[in-house]
C-alpha atoms as a PDB file:
ATOM      1  CA  MET A   1      40.180 -29.727   6.448  1.00  0.00           C
ATOM      2  CA  ASP A   2      39.684 -27.620   3.214  1.00  0.00           C
ATOM      3  CA  ASP A   3      36.182 -26.093   2.222  1.00  0.00           C
ATOM      4  CA  THR A   4      35.286 -28.801  -0.204  1.00  0.00           C
ATOM      5  CA  ARG A   5      35.918 -31.854   2.255  1.00  0.00           C
ATOM      6  CA  THR A   6      34.271 -29.738   4.818  1.00  0.00           C
ATOM      7  CA  THR A   7      30.948 -29.535   2.840  1.00  0.00           C
ATOM      8  CA  ALA A   8      30.823 -32.981   1.760  1.00  0.00           C
ATOM      9  CA  PHE A   9      31.261 -34.125   5.423  1.00  0.00           C
ATOM     10  CA  HIS A  10      28.529 -31.946   6.493  1.00  0.00           C
ATOM     11  CA  ASN A  11      26.275 -32.868   3.850  1.00  0.00           C
ATOM     12  CA  ARG A  12      26.855 -36.429   4.235  1.00  0.00           C
ATOM     13  CA  ARG A  13      26.189 -36.115   8.082  1.00  0.00           C
ATOM     14  CA  GLN A  14      22.980 -34.385   7.340  1.00  0.00           C
ATOM     15  CA  GLN A  15      21.834 -37.109   5.063  1.00  0.00           C
ATOM     16  CA  ALA A  16      21.971 -39.945   7.256  1.00  0.00           C
ATOM     17  CA  VAL A  17      18.498 -40.488   8.645  1.00  0.00           C
ATOM     18  CA  SER A  18      16.696 -43.173  10.134  1.00  0.00           C
ATOM     19  CA  PRO A  19      13.783 -44.777   8.678  1.00  0.00           C
ATOM     20  CA  GLU A  20      11.107 -42.798  10.945  1.00  0.00           C
ATOM     21  CA  GLN A  21      12.755 -39.684  10.234  1.00  0.00           C
ATOM     22  CA  ALA A  22      12.586 -40.333   6.320  1.00  0.00           C
ATOM     23  CA  ARG A  23       8.998 -41.162   6.776  1.00  0.00           C
ATOM     24  CA  LYS A  24       8.155 -38.135   8.478  1.00  0.00           C
ATOM     25  CA  ARG A  25       9.832 -35.609   6.201  1.00  0.00           C
ATOM     26  CA  ALA A  26       7.808 -37.515   3.165  1.00  0.00           C
ATOM     27  CA  ARG A  27       4.600 -37.302   5.289  1.00  0.00           C
ATOM     28  CA  VAL A  28       5.093 -33.791   5.889  1.00  0.00           C
ATOM     29  CA  SER A  29       6.239 -33.056   2.148  1.00  0.00           C
ATOM     30  CA  GLU A  30       3.059 -34.336   1.052  1.00  0.00           C
ATOM     31  CA  GLN A  31       0.725 -32.233   3.428  1.00  0.00           C
ATOM     32  CA  ARG A  32      -1.015 -29.130   1.862  1.00  0.00           C
ATOM     33  CA  HIS A  33      -1.662 -25.583   2.093  1.00  0.00           C
ATOM     34  CA  VAL A  34       0.329 -24.738   5.575  1.00  0.00           C
ATOM     35  CA  LEU A  35       3.772 -25.512   6.762  1.00  0.00           C
ATOM     36  CA  SER A  36       4.719 -24.133  10.692  1.00  0.00           C
ATOM     37  CA  VAL A  37       8.704 -24.779  11.600  1.00  0.00           C
ATOM     38  CA  LEU A  38      10.217 -24.257  14.899  1.00  0.00           C
ATOM     39  CA  VAL A  39      13.951 -24.078  15.494  1.00  0.00           C
ATOM     40  CA  PRO A  40      15.969 -23.134  18.412  1.00  0.00           C
ATOM     41  CA  ILE A  41      17.928 -19.836  18.159  1.00  0.00           C
ATOM     42  CA  ARG A  42      21.737 -19.792  19.457  1.00  0.00           C
ATOM     43  CA  PRO A  43      21.361 -17.466  22.161  1.00  0.00           C
ATOM     44  CA  GLU A  44      24.404 -15.616  21.133  1.00  0.00           C
ATOM     45  CA  ARG A  45      23.076 -14.986  17.742  1.00  0.00           C
ATOM     46  CA  LEU A  46      19.774 -13.606  18.932  1.00  0.00           C
ATOM     47  CA  GLU A  47      20.775  -9.935  18.254  1.00  0.00           C
ATOM     48  CA  ASP A  48      22.046 -10.736  14.791  1.00  0.00           C
ATOM     49  CA  LEU A  49      18.973 -12.804  13.674  1.00  0.00           C
ATOM     50  CA  SER A  50      16.782 -10.069  15.091  1.00  0.00           C
ATOM     51  CA  LEU A  51      18.524  -7.214  12.716  1.00  0.00           C
ATOM     52  CA  VAL A  52      17.904  -9.479   9.654  1.00  0.00           C
ATOM     53  CA  LEU A  53      14.593 -10.070  10.424  1.00  0.00           C
ATOM     54  CA  GLU A  54      13.814  -6.324  10.987  1.00  0.00           C
ATOM     55  CA  GLU A  55      15.671  -5.535   7.437  1.00  0.00           C
ATOM     56  CA  LEU A  56      13.143  -7.887   5.835  1.00  0.00           C
ATOM     57  CA  GLY A  57       9.988  -6.655   7.678  1.00  0.00           C
ATOM     58  CA  GLN A  58      11.060  -2.835   6.652  1.00  0.00           C
ATOM     59  CA  ASP A  59      11.327  -3.439   3.161  1.00  0.00           C
ATOM     60  CA  LEU A  60       9.542  -6.285   1.793  1.00  0.00           C
ATOM     61  CA  GLN A  61       9.827  -5.343  -2.080  1.00  0.00           C
ATOM     62  CA  ARG A  62      13.707  -4.045  -1.939  1.00  0.00           C
ATOM     63  CA  ASN A  63      15.315  -5.945   0.829  1.00  0.00           C
ATOM     64  CA  ALA A  64      18.707  -7.386   0.070  1.00  0.00           C
ATOM     65  CA  HIS A  65      17.659 -10.983   0.940  1.00  0.00           C
ATOM     66  CA  ILE A  66      14.631 -12.251  -0.388  1.00  0.00           C
ATOM     67  CA  GLN A  67      12.522 -11.280  -3.610  1.00  0.00           C
ATOM     68  CA  PHE A  68       9.170 -12.229  -2.280  1.00  0.00           C
ATOM     69  CA  ASP A  69       7.285 -11.325  -5.220  1.00  0.00           C
ATOM     70  CA  ALA A  70       9.045 -14.281  -7.044  1.00  0.00           C
ATOM     71  CA  LEU A  71       7.034 -16.750  -4.760  1.00  0.00           C
ATOM     72  CA  LYS A  72       4.166 -17.126  -7.031  1.00  0.00           C
ATOM     73  CA  SER A  73       2.130 -19.402  -5.202  1.00  0.00           C
ATOM     74  CA  THR A  74       2.715 -18.358  -1.693  1.00  0.00           C
ATOM     75  CA  HIS A  75      -0.248 -16.484   0.179  1.00  0.00           C
ATOM     76  CA  SER A  76       1.575 -15.088   3.107  1.00  0.00           C
ATOM     77  CA  LEU A  77       4.891 -16.335   5.250  1.00  0.00           C
ATOM     78  CA  ARG A  78       6.461 -14.865   8.123  1.00  0.00           C
ATOM     79  CA  TRP A  79       9.269 -15.606  10.741  1.00  0.00           C
ATOM     80  CA  VAL A  80       8.494 -14.730  14.367  1.00  0.00           C
ATOM     81  CA  ILE A  81      10.995 -14.837  17.308  1.00  0.00           C
ATOM     82  CA  VAL A  82       9.618 -16.485  20.379  1.00  0.00           C
ATOM     83  CA  PRO A  83      11.099 -15.583  23.763  1.00  0.00           C
ATOM     84  CA  ALA A  84      12.065 -18.065  26.183  1.00  0.00           C
ATOM     85  CA  PRO A  85       9.253 -18.789  28.148  1.00  0.00           C
ATOM     86  CA  ALA A  86       9.920 -17.576  31.740  1.00  0.00           C
ATOM     87  CA  SER A  87       9.415 -19.928  34.883  1.00  0.00           C
ATOM     88  CA  GLN A  88       7.784 -18.799  38.208  1.00  0.00           C
ATOM     89  CA  ASP A  89      10.640 -17.354  39.633  1.00  0.00           C
ATOM     90  CA  GLY A  90      11.298 -15.072  36.674  1.00  0.00           C
ATOM     91  CA  ARG A  91      14.323 -17.151  35.031  1.00  0.00           C
ATOM     92  CA  SER A  92      13.990 -18.021  31.553  1.00  0.00           C
ATOM     93  CA  GLU A  93      13.446 -21.833  30.903  1.00  0.00           C
ATOM     94  CA  GLY A  94      14.853 -23.139  27.656  1.00  0.00           C
ATOM     95  CA  GLY A  95      15.822 -20.625  24.918  1.00  0.00           C
ATOM     96  CA  PRO A  96      14.497 -18.671  22.134  1.00  0.00           C
ATOM     97  CA  MET A  97      12.839 -20.104  19.172  1.00  0.00           C
ATOM     98  CA  LEU A  98      12.375 -18.933  15.446  1.00  0.00           C
ATOM     99  CA  ALA A  99       8.980 -19.746  14.410  1.00  0.00           C
ATOM    100  CA  PHE A 100       8.123 -19.606  10.368  1.00  0.00           C
ATOM    101  CA  GLU A 101       4.589 -20.320   9.068  1.00  0.00           C
ATOM    102  CA  ALA A 102       3.446 -20.099   5.496  1.00  0.00           C
ATOM    103  CA  HIS A 103       0.447 -20.597   3.587  1.00  0.00           C
ATOM    104  CA  PHE A 104       0.703 -21.536   0.134  1.00  0.00           C
ATOM    105  CA  ASP A 105      -1.144 -23.133  -2.989  1.00  0.00           C
ATOM    106  CA  HIS A 106      -0.206 -27.168  -3.448  1.00  0.00           C
ATOM    107  CA  THR A 107       1.981 -29.152  -1.269  1.00  0.00           C
ATOM    108  CA  VAL A 108       4.354 -28.250   1.430  1.00  0.00           C
ATOM    109  CA  GLY A 109       7.360 -30.095  -1.036  1.00  0.00           C
ATOM    110  CA  GLU A 110       6.314 -28.053  -4.013  1.00  0.00           C
ATOM    111  CA  PHE A 111       6.374 -24.755  -1.685  1.00  0.00           C
ATOM    112  CA  LEU A 112       9.756 -25.825  -0.422  1.00  0.00           C
ATOM    113  CA  GLU A 113      11.048 -26.417  -3.882  1.00  0.00           C
ATOM    114  CA  ASP A 114       9.859 -22.914  -4.986  1.00  0.00           C
ATOM    115  CA  LEU A 115      11.049 -21.254  -1.789  1.00  0.00           C
ATOM    116  CA  ILE A 116      14.770 -22.781  -1.729  1.00  0.00           C
ATOM    117  CA  HIS A 117      14.963 -21.927  -5.563  1.00  0.00           C
ATOM    118  CA  VAL A 118      14.054 -18.229  -4.786  1.00  0.00           C
ATOM    119  CA  ALA A 119      15.481 -17.701  -1.143  1.00  0.00           C
ATOM    120  CA  GLY A 120      17.712 -20.965  -0.352  1.00  0.00           C
ATOM    121  CA  ASP A 121      21.055 -18.876  -0.158  1.00  0.00           C
ATOM    122  CA  ALA A 122      19.542 -16.255   2.051  1.00  0.00           C
ATOM    123  CA  LEU A 123      17.882 -18.993   4.262  1.00  0.00           C
ATOM    124  CA  LYS A 124      21.220 -20.653   4.885  1.00  0.00           C
ATOM    125  CA  ALA A 125      23.504 -17.697   5.143  1.00  0.00           C
ATOM    126  CA  ASN A 126      21.377 -15.036   6.784  1.00  0.00           C
ATOM    127  CA  ILE A 127      18.637 -16.459   8.831  1.00  0.00           C
ATOM    128  CA  TYR A 128      19.064 -20.468   9.926  1.00  0.00           C
ATOM    129  CA  CYS A 129      22.869 -19.870  10.332  1.00  0.00           C
ATOM    130  CA  HIS A 130      21.692 -18.268  13.868  1.00  0.00           C
ATOM    131  CA  CYS A 131      19.931 -21.453  14.877  1.00  0.00           C
ATOM    132  CA  ALA A 132      20.673 -24.456  16.532  1.00  0.00           C
ATOM    133  CA  PRO A 133      21.827 -26.308  15.023  1.00  0.00           C
ATOM    134  CA  PRO A 134      22.999 -23.996  12.415  1.00  0.00           C
ATOM    135  CA  LEU A 135      23.141 -24.164   8.790  1.00  0.00           C
ATOM    136  CA  ARG A 136      25.884 -23.131   6.757  1.00  0.00           C
ATOM    137  CA  SER A 137      26.096 -20.922   3.703  1.00  0.00           C
ATOM    138  CA  TRP A 138      27.646 -23.814   1.914  1.00  0.00           C
ATOM    139  CA  SER A 139      25.180 -26.482   3.003  1.00  0.00           C
ATOM    140  CA  SER A 140      23.423 -27.932  -0.113  1.00  0.00           C
ATOM    141  CA  ASP A 141      19.851 -26.978  -0.737  1.00  0.00           C
ATOM    142  CA  ALA A 142      18.642 -30.640   0.010  1.00  0.00           C
ATOM    143  CA  VAL A 143      20.095 -30.348   3.576  1.00  0.00           C
ATOM    144  CA  LEU A 144      18.042 -27.015   3.906  1.00  0.00           C
ATOM    145  CA  ARG A 145      14.559 -28.954   2.692  1.00  0.00           C
ATOM    146  CA  ASP A 146      15.567 -31.859   4.932  1.00  0.00           C
ATOM    147  CA  TYR A 147      16.342 -29.518   7.762  1.00  0.00           C
ATOM    148  CA  LEU A 148      12.967 -27.720   7.581  1.00  0.00           C
ATOM    149  CA  LEU A 149      11.360 -30.827   7.097  1.00  0.00           C
ATOM    150  CA  ASP A 150      12.953 -32.229  10.196  1.00  0.00           C
ATOM    151  CA  HIS A 151      11.856 -29.130  12.475  1.00  0.00           C
ATOM    152  CA  ALA A 152       8.098 -29.010  10.727  1.00  0.00           C
ATOM    153  CA  LEU A 153       5.388 -29.240  13.489  1.00  0.00           C
ATOM    154  CA  PRO A 154       2.263 -31.117  12.854  1.00  0.00           C
ATOM    155  CA  GLU A 155      -0.193 -29.585  10.828  1.00  0.00           C
ATOM    156  CA  ALA A 156      -2.540 -27.056  12.493  1.00  0.00           C
ATOM    157  CA  ARG A 157      -5.863 -26.118  11.270  1.00  0.00           C
ATOM    158  CA  VAL A 158      -5.999 -22.758   9.607  1.00  0.00           C
ATOM    159  CA  PHE A 159      -8.780 -20.464   8.732  1.00  0.00           C
ATOM    160  CA  GLU A 160      -9.132 -20.500   4.908  1.00  0.00           C
ATOM    161  CA  GLY A 161     -11.456 -17.533   3.622  1.00  0.00           C
ATOM    162  CA  SER A 162     -11.408 -18.385   0.175  1.00  0.00           C
ATOM    163  CA  ALA A 163     -10.569 -22.224   0.272  1.00  0.00           C
ATOM    164  CA  ASP A 164      -8.724 -23.670  -2.909  1.00  0.00           C
ATOM    165  CA  VAL A 165      -8.388 -20.168  -4.603  1.00  0.00           C
ATOM    166  CA  LYS A 166      -5.102 -19.940  -6.429  1.00  0.00           C
ATOM    167  CA  VAL A 167      -2.721 -16.947  -5.615  1.00  0.00           C
ATOM    168  CA  GLU A 168      -2.863 -15.972  -9.484  1.00  0.00           C
ATOM    169  CA  LEU A 169      -6.603 -15.911  -9.275  1.00  0.00           C
ATOM    170  CA  LEU A 170      -6.519 -13.704  -5.920  1.00  0.00           C
ATOM    171  CA  ASP A 171      -3.524 -11.355  -7.624  1.00  0.00           C
ATOM    172  CA  ASN A 172      -5.406 -11.016 -11.111  1.00  0.00           C
ATOM    173  CA  ALA A 173      -8.831  -9.823  -8.914  1.00  0.00           C
ATOM    174  CA  ALA A 174      -6.325  -7.305  -7.035  1.00  0.00           C
ATOM    175  CA  ARG A 175      -5.536  -6.084 -10.284  1.00  0.00           C
ATOM    176  CA  VAL A 176      -8.856  -5.854 -11.931  1.00  0.00           C
ATOM    177  CA  ARG A 177     -10.087  -3.956  -8.751  1.00  0.00           C
ATOM    178  CA  GLU A 178      -6.910  -1.615  -8.792  1.00  0.00           C
ATOM    179  CA  LEU A 179      -7.620  -0.854 -12.581  1.00  0.00           C
ATOM    180  CA  VAL A 180     -11.650   0.193 -11.999  1.00  0.00           C
ATOM    181  CA  SER A 181     -10.821   2.214  -8.925  1.00  0.00           C
ATOM    182  CA  GLN A 182      -8.282   3.973 -11.276  1.00  0.00           C
ATOM    183  CA  PHE A 183     -10.834   4.229 -13.891  1.00  0.00           C
ATOM    184  CA  PHE A 184     -13.643   5.591 -11.795  1.00  0.00           C
ATOM    185  CA  ALA A 185     -10.798   8.060  -9.944  1.00  0.00           C
ATOM    186  CA  ALA A 186      -9.601   9.501 -12.919  1.00  0.00           C
ATOM    187  CA  PRO A 187     -10.948  13.081 -13.617  1.00  0.00           C
ATOM    188  CA  ARG A 188     -14.156  13.572 -16.112  1.00  0.00           C
ATOM    189  CA  THR A 189     -14.377  16.538 -18.545  1.00  0.00           C
ATOM    190  CA  GLU A 190     -18.086  17.801 -19.512  1.00  0.00           C
ATOM    191  CA  PRO A 191     -18.256  17.904 -23.165  1.00  0.00           C
ATOM    192  CA  ASP A 192     -18.225  21.327 -24.851  1.00  0.00           C
ATOM    193  CA  PRO A 193     -21.650  22.408 -25.971  1.00  0.00           C
ATOM    194  CA  ALA A 194     -20.090  24.652 -28.807  1.00  0.00           C
ATOM    195  CA  SER A 195     -18.291  21.305 -29.999  1.00  0.00           C
ATOM    196  CA  SER A 196     -21.705  19.275 -30.148  1.00  0.00           C
ATOM    197  CA  PRO A 197     -23.195  18.894 -33.829  1.00  0.00           C
ATOM    198  CA  ALA A 198     -26.073  20.999 -34.713  1.00  0.00           C
ATOM    199  CA  ARG A 199     -29.414  19.424 -34.764  1.00  0.00           C
END
């Protein structure tokens, strides 16, 4: 089977959903401000995924995968590998999980549109390819969106220190603070008495 036919088959298979699943996707898409996603990790790919996440964390500004600054309505986001829980005899039960959480302006649907526009290729080819079921680099953006919605957890209660304050306003306030700090930190020169006009 060539790549084109494989892609078409994979995308068709992902789009065949039950009415209940479609309702869940729609319900999650309309939620606001927070998204939590939990996906099993393929145990044999755990080390590869760990390396990618470490690379992201070491250089948020200039990493090769995601331009985080381009996410204009995102307050924060993170991926965390959750180890498999141990049973009473010390053996692992289940497998490791990849947890993703994001806080943002607007709805989950709008956030995912922005996230996938900025980072969709990296999510498919570098992060969720290590999960179960795996996404493929050739999966469509619609498949990625549905994948994240299908693995979304019920919305959790979160503390909002500045409810309804948009990212743009927070960014502007941070820039103003930085400019004020620079102004007051700049060296001052005393006026030369000899250059003062005579009275």
